[in-house]
Amino acid sequence: QVQLVESGGGLVQAGGSLRLSCVASVRIFSIIDMGWYRQAPGKQRELVARITRGGSSNYSDSVKGRFTISRDNAKNTVYLQMNSLKFEDTAVYYCGAFMGRYDYWGQGTQVTVSS
């Protein structure tokens, strides 16, 4: 199975930036897709960004142009660069690894954007 550890969350003012990291316990080359999801208070977990083994990515419309997902296979790490943060980006951000029949999730990292 896959263990995922997120880091990089914190408190930031609107308009600021954060970089989230997700370190996997296995070679991420073996993982079909990895991604970032978030869950805000009172809302369901939603897609933020997702990246394939081949490096293609897709984003939620709400973050396009502001967030960038990337992966470093040598470090078994996926990143989420978040720029121009808005108050509505406040949520717990979860790293996911998607193996086909099995999905794995990290514990989450809190991102709080002050208005």
N, C-alpha and C. Protein backbone atom coordinates (compact mmCIF):
# COMPACT_ATOMS: atom_id res chain seq x y z
N GLN A 1 0.82 -1.17 0.00
CA GLN A 1 0.00 0.00 0.00
C GLN A 1 0.87 1.24 0.00
N VAL A 2 0.23 2.39 -0.19
CA VAL A 2 0.94 3.65 -0.34
C VAL A 2 0.65 4.55 0.85
N GLN A 3 1.70 5.09 1.41
CA GLN A 3 1.56 6.11 2.44
C GLN A 3 1.94 7.46 1.85
N LEU A 4 1.16 8.47 2.18
CA LEU A 4 1.36 9.81 1.65
C LEU A 4 1.44 10.79 2.80
N VAL A 5 2.40 11.69 2.74
CA VAL A 5 2.59 12.68 3.78
C VAL A 5 2.63 14.06 3.14
N GLU A 6 1.66 14.90 3.50
CA GLU A 6 1.60 16.26 2.99
C GLU A 6 2.30 17.22 3.94
N SER A 7 2.79 18.30 3.38
CA SER A 7 3.36 19.36 4.18
C SER A 7 3.27 20.66 3.40
N GLY A 8 3.51 21.76 4.07
CA GLY A 8 3.56 23.05 3.42
C GLY A 8 2.37 23.95 3.65
N GLY A 9 1.35 23.44 4.32
CA GLY A 9 0.21 24.27 4.61
C GLY A 9 0.52 25.31 5.66
N GLY A 10 -0.40 26.22 5.83
CA GLY A 10 -0.21 27.26 6.82
C GLY A 10 -1.18 28.39 6.62
N LEU A 11 -0.88 29.49 7.26
CA LEU A 11 -1.70 30.69 7.19
C LEU A 11 -1.03 31.71 6.28
N VAL A 12 -1.80 32.24 5.35
CA VAL A 12 -1.26 33.21 4.41
C VAL A 12 -2.34 34.24 4.10
N GLN A 13 -1.92 35.44 3.80
CA GLN A 13 -2.86 36.49 3.43
C GLN A 13 -3.31 36.31 1.99
N ALA A 14 -4.50 36.79 1.69
CA ALA A 14 -4.99 36.76 0.32
C ALA A 14 -3.99 37.42 -0.61
N GLY A 15 -3.79 36.79 -1.75
CA GLY A 15 -2.81 37.26 -2.71
C GLY A 15 -1.45 36.63 -2.56
N GLY A 16 -1.23 35.93 -1.46
CA GLY A 16 0.04 35.29 -1.21
C GLY A 16 0.15 33.92 -1.86
N SER A 17 1.24 33.22 -1.53
CA SER A 17 1.54 31.94 -2.15
C SER A 17 1.94 30.91 -1.11
N LEU A 18 1.68 29.66 -1.43
CA LEU A 18 2.15 28.53 -0.65
C LEU A 18 2.52 27.42 -1.61
N ARG A 19 3.42 26.56 -1.17
CA ARG A 19 3.81 25.39 -1.94
C ARG A 19 3.61 24.15 -1.08
N LEU A 20 2.71 23.29 -1.50
CA LEU A 20 2.44 22.05 -0.80
C LEU A 20 3.28 20.93 -1.39
N SER A 21 3.69 20.01 -0.53
CA SER A 21 4.45 18.84 -0.95
C SER A 21 3.75 17.58 -0.48
N CYS A 22 3.87 16.54 -1.26
CA CYS A 22 3.33 15.23 -0.91
C CYS A 22 4.39 14.20 -1.22
N VAL A 23 4.88 13.54 -0.19
CA VAL A 23 5.91 12.51 -0.35
C VAL A 23 5.26 11.14 -0.23
N ALA A 24 5.50 10.31 -1.20
CA ALA A 24 4.94 8.97 -1.23
C ALA A 24 5.95 7.94 -0.75
N SER A 25 5.43 6.86 -0.20
CA SER A 25 6.27 5.80 0.33
C SER A 25 6.74 4.83 -0.74
N VAL A 26 6.28 5.00 -1.95
CA VAL A 26 6.67 4.17 -3.07
C VAL A 26 7.12 5.06 -4.21
N ARG A 27 7.74 4.45 -5.19
CA ARG A 27 8.12 5.21 -6.38
C ARG A 27 6.86 5.68 -7.09
N ILE A 28 6.73 6.97 -7.25
CA ILE A 28 5.50 7.49 -7.84
C ILE A 28 5.39 7.17 -9.31
N PHE A 29 6.47 6.70 -9.91
CA PHE A 29 6.39 6.20 -11.28
C PHE A 29 5.40 5.04 -11.37
N SER A 30 5.22 4.33 -10.26
CA SER A 30 4.31 3.18 -10.22
C SER A 30 2.86 3.59 -10.04
N ILE A 31 2.61 4.85 -9.76
CA ILE A 31 1.26 5.34 -9.51
C ILE A 31 0.70 5.96 -10.78
N ILE A 32 -0.49 5.55 -11.15
CA ILE A 32 -1.08 6.01 -12.39
C ILE A 32 -1.30 7.52 -12.37
N ASP A 33 -2.03 7.97 -11.37
CA ASP A 33 -2.32 9.39 -11.20
C ASP A 33 -2.06 9.80 -9.76
N MET A 34 -1.64 11.03 -9.58
CA MET A 34 -1.60 11.64 -8.26
C MET A 34 -2.29 12.98 -8.34
N GLY A 35 -2.77 13.43 -7.21
CA GLY A 35 -3.47 14.70 -7.25
C GLY A 35 -3.67 15.33 -5.90
N TRP A 36 -4.22 16.51 -5.96
CA TRP A 36 -4.58 17.27 -4.78
C TRP A 36 -6.08 17.53 -4.78
N TYR A 37 -6.69 17.25 -3.66
CA TYR A 37 -8.08 17.56 -3.43
C TYR A 37 -8.17 18.41 -2.17
N ARG A 38 -9.29 19.07 -2.00
CA ARG A 38 -9.45 19.87 -0.80
C ARG A 38 -10.87 19.77 -0.27
N GLN A 39 -10.99 20.02 1.02
CA GLN A 39 -12.29 20.00 1.66
C GLN A 39 -12.39 21.21 2.57
N ALA A 40 -13.30 22.10 2.22
CA ALA A 40 -13.56 23.29 3.00
C ALA A 40 -14.66 23.00 4.02
N PRO A 41 -14.74 23.79 5.07
CA PRO A 41 -15.78 23.57 6.07
C PRO A 41 -17.17 23.55 5.46
N GLY A 42 -17.93 22.51 5.77
CA GLY A 42 -19.29 22.40 5.29
C GLY A 42 -19.43 21.97 3.84
N LYS A 43 -18.33 21.62 3.19
CA LYS A 43 -18.37 21.24 1.79
C LYS A 43 -17.80 19.84 1.59
N GLN A 44 -18.10 19.27 0.44
CA GLN A 44 -17.54 17.98 0.07
C GLN A 44 -16.11 18.14 -0.46
N ARG A 45 -15.37 17.05 -0.41
CA ARG A 45 -14.04 17.07 -0.97
C ARG A 45 -14.12 17.28 -2.49
N GLU A 46 -13.28 18.15 -3.01
CA GLU A 46 -13.32 18.48 -4.41
C GLU A 46 -11.93 18.42 -5.03
N LEU A 47 -11.91 18.18 -6.32
CA LEU A 47 -10.67 18.16 -7.07
C LEU A 47 -10.04 19.54 -7.11
N VAL A 48 -8.75 19.59 -6.91
CA VAL A 48 -7.97 20.79 -7.14
C VAL A 48 -7.13 20.62 -8.41
N ALA A 49 -6.30 19.60 -8.42
CA ALA A 49 -5.44 19.34 -9.57
C ALA A 49 -5.04 17.88 -9.56
N ARG A 50 -4.76 17.36 -10.74
CA ARG A 50 -4.39 15.96 -10.87
C ARG A 50 -3.33 15.85 -11.95
N ILE A 51 -2.39 14.92 -11.76
CA ILE A 51 -1.29 14.74 -12.70
C ILE A 51 -1.09 13.26 -12.96
N THR A 52 -0.87 12.92 -14.22
CA THR A 52 -0.67 11.54 -14.60
C THR A 52 0.79 11.15 -14.47
N ARG A 53 1.03 9.85 -14.61
CA ARG A 53 2.40 9.35 -14.60
C ARG A 53 3.22 9.99 -15.70
N GLY A 54 2.59 10.28 -16.82
CA GLY A 54 3.28 10.90 -17.94
C GLY A 54 3.45 12.39 -17.83
N GLY A 55 2.86 13.00 -16.81
CA GLY A 55 3.07 14.41 -16.57
C GLY A 55 1.98 15.34 -17.06
N SER A 56 0.93 14.81 -17.67
CA SER A 56 -0.17 15.67 -18.06
C SER A 56 -1.02 16.00 -16.84
N SER A 57 -1.57 17.19 -16.84
CA SER A 57 -2.29 17.66 -15.66
C SER A 57 -3.63 18.27 -16.02
N ASN A 58 -4.49 18.33 -15.04
CA ASN A 58 -5.76 19.02 -15.20
C ASN A 58 -6.11 19.70 -13.88
N TYR A 59 -6.94 20.73 -13.98
CA TYR A 59 -7.23 21.57 -12.83
C TYR A 59 -8.71 21.87 -12.73
N SER A 60 -9.14 22.10 -11.52
CA SER A 60 -10.45 22.68 -11.31
C SER A 60 -10.48 24.08 -11.91
N ASP A 61 -11.62 24.45 -12.46
CA ASP A 61 -11.75 25.79 -13.04
C ASP A 61 -11.45 26.88 -12.02
N SER A 62 -11.72 26.62 -10.77
CA SER A 62 -11.54 27.63 -9.75
C SER A 62 -10.08 27.95 -9.46
N VAL A 63 -9.16 27.08 -9.88
CA VAL A 63 -7.74 27.30 -9.60
C VAL A 63 -6.89 27.46 -10.85
N LYS A 64 -7.47 27.29 -12.01
CA LYS A 64 -6.71 27.42 -13.25
C LYS A 64 -6.07 28.80 -13.34
N GLY A 65 -4.81 28.80 -13.73
CA GLY A 65 -4.07 30.04 -13.85
C GLY A 65 -3.43 30.50 -12.56
N ARG A 66 -3.79 29.88 -11.45
CA ARG A 66 -3.23 30.25 -10.16
C ARG A 66 -2.40 29.14 -9.53
N PHE A 67 -2.83 27.90 -9.71
CA PHE A 67 -2.16 26.75 -9.11
C PHE A 67 -1.44 25.94 -10.18
N THR A 68 -0.36 25.31 -9.79
CA THR A 68 0.39 24.44 -10.69
C THR A 68 0.77 23.16 -9.96
N ILE A 69 0.41 22.03 -10.54
CA ILE A 69 0.81 20.74 -9.98
C ILE A 69 2.02 20.23 -10.75
N SER A 70 2.94 19.61 -10.05
CA SER A 70 4.12 19.04 -10.67
C SER A 70 4.56 17.82 -9.89
N ARG A 71 5.44 17.05 -10.48
CA ARG A 71 5.93 15.85 -9.80
C ARG A 71 7.42 15.69 -10.05
N ASP A 72 8.09 15.14 -9.05
CA ASP A 72 9.50 14.82 -9.13
C ASP A 72 9.61 13.34 -8.82
N ASN A 73 9.73 12.54 -9.85
CA ASN A 73 9.74 11.10 -9.66
C ASN A 73 10.94 10.63 -8.84
N ALA A 74 12.07 11.31 -9.00
CA ALA A 74 13.27 10.91 -8.26
C ALA A 74 13.09 11.09 -6.76
N LYS A 75 12.29 12.06 -6.36
CA LYS A 75 12.05 12.33 -4.96
C LYS A 75 10.74 11.74 -4.45
N ASN A 76 10.02 11.06 -5.32
CA ASN A 76 8.72 10.48 -4.98
C ASN A 76 7.79 11.54 -4.40
N THR A 77 7.79 12.69 -5.01
CA THR A 77 7.09 13.84 -4.46
C THR A 77 6.25 14.53 -5.52
N VAL A 78 5.06 14.95 -5.12
CA VAL A 78 4.19 15.78 -5.93
C VAL A 78 4.02 17.12 -5.22
N TYR A 79 4.01 18.18 -6.00
CA TYR A 79 3.90 19.52 -5.45
C TYR A 79 2.64 20.21 -5.96
N LEU A 80 2.20 21.15 -5.18
CA LEU A 80 1.15 22.06 -5.61
C LEU A 80 1.59 23.48 -5.28
N GLN A 81 1.94 24.22 -6.30
CA GLN A 81 2.28 25.62 -6.13
C GLN A 81 1.01 26.43 -6.22
N MET A 82 0.72 27.18 -5.19
CA MET A 82 -0.51 27.96 -5.11
C MET A 82 -0.16 29.43 -5.05
N ASN A 83 -0.57 30.16 -6.05
CA ASN A 83 -0.33 31.59 -6.13
C ASN A 83 -1.66 32.33 -6.12
N SER A 84 -1.58 33.61 -5.83
CA SER A 84 -2.77 34.47 -5.82
C SER A 84 -3.89 33.85 -5.00
N LEU A 85 -3.55 33.42 -3.82
CA LEU A 85 -4.52 32.71 -2.98
C LEU A 85 -5.68 33.61 -2.60
N LYS A 86 -6.84 33.00 -2.54
CA LYS A 86 -8.08 33.67 -2.17
C LYS A 86 -8.63 33.08 -0.89
N PHE A 87 -9.48 33.82 -0.23
CA PHE A 87 -10.09 33.33 0.99
C PHE A 87 -10.81 32.00 0.74
N GLU A 88 -11.45 31.86 -0.40
CA GLU A 88 -12.20 30.65 -0.69
C GLU A 88 -11.32 29.43 -0.96
N ASP A 89 -10.00 29.62 -1.02
CA ASP A 89 -9.09 28.50 -1.11
C ASP A 89 -8.85 27.83 0.25
N THR A 90 -9.34 28.44 1.30
CA THR A 90 -9.17 27.89 2.63
C THR A 90 -9.81 26.51 2.72
N ALA A 91 -9.03 25.52 3.11
CA ALA A 91 -9.50 24.15 3.17
C ALA A 91 -8.39 23.27 3.71
N VAL A 92 -8.75 22.03 4.00
CA VAL A 92 -7.75 21.00 4.22
C VAL A 92 -7.43 20.39 2.86
N TYR A 93 -6.17 20.37 2.52
CA TYR A 93 -5.73 19.85 1.24
C TYR A 93 -5.18 18.44 1.41
N TYR A 94 -5.66 17.53 0.59
CA TYR A 94 -5.29 16.13 0.67
C TYR A 94 -4.57 15.69 -0.59
N CYS A 95 -3.52 14.97 -0.40
CA CYS A 95 -2.82 14.34 -1.50
C CYS A 95 -3.42 12.96 -1.74
N GLY A 96 -3.63 12.63 -2.99
CA GLY A 96 -4.17 11.33 -3.34
C GLY A 96 -3.29 10.59 -4.33
N ALA A 97 -3.25 9.28 -4.19
CA ALA A 97 -2.57 8.40 -5.13
C ALA A 97 -3.60 7.41 -5.65
N PHE A 98 -3.68 7.30 -6.95
CA PHE A 98 -4.75 6.54 -7.57
C PHE A 98 -4.15 5.41 -8.39
N MET A 99 -4.42 4.20 -7.93
CA MET A 99 -3.74 3.01 -8.41
C MET A 99 -4.63 2.15 -9.31
N GLY A 100 -5.76 2.67 -9.71
CA GLY A 100 -6.72 1.90 -10.47
C GLY A 100 -7.81 1.39 -9.57
N ARG A 101 -7.63 0.19 -9.04
CA ARG A 101 -8.62 -0.37 -8.12
C ARG A 101 -8.50 0.21 -6.71
N TYR A 102 -7.39 0.82 -6.37
CA TYR A 102 -7.14 1.29 -5.02
C TYR A 102 -6.75 2.76 -5.04
N ASP A 103 -7.32 3.50 -4.11
CA ASP A 103 -6.99 4.90 -3.89
C ASP A 103 -6.41 5.07 -2.49
N TYR A 104 -5.42 5.94 -2.38
CA TYR A 104 -4.80 6.22 -1.09
C TYR A 104 -4.78 7.71 -0.85
N TRP A 105 -4.92 8.08 0.41
CA TRP A 105 -4.99 9.48 0.79
C TRP A 105 -4.06 9.80 1.94
N GLY A 106 -3.51 11.00 1.91
CA GLY A 106 -2.73 11.49 3.03
C GLY A 106 -3.64 12.00 4.13
N GLN A 107 -3.02 12.47 5.20
CA GLN A 107 -3.77 12.97 6.35
C GLN A 107 -4.30 14.39 6.15
N GLY A 108 -3.77 15.10 5.19
CA GLY A 108 -4.20 16.44 4.90
C GLY A 108 -3.33 17.50 5.54
N THR A 109 -3.30 18.65 4.92
CA THR A 109 -2.60 19.80 5.47
C THR A 109 -3.50 21.02 5.35
N GLN A 110 -3.57 21.78 6.42
CA GLN A 110 -4.50 22.90 6.47
C GLN A 110 -3.91 24.11 5.76
N VAL A 111 -4.71 24.70 4.89
CA VAL A 111 -4.38 25.96 4.25
C VAL A 111 -5.44 26.97 4.66
N THR A 112 -5.00 28.05 5.26
CA THR A 112 -5.92 29.09 5.69
C THR A 112 -5.50 30.41 5.06
N VAL A 113 -6.41 31.02 4.34
CA VAL A 113 -6.14 32.29 3.66
C VAL A 113 -6.97 33.36 4.34
N SER A 114 -6.31 34.35 4.85
CA SER A 114 -7.00 35.45 5.51
C SER A 114 -7.40 36.50 4.50
N SER A 115 -8.56 37.09 4.70
CA SER A 115 -9.07 38.09 3.78
C SER A 115 -8.63 39.49 4.17
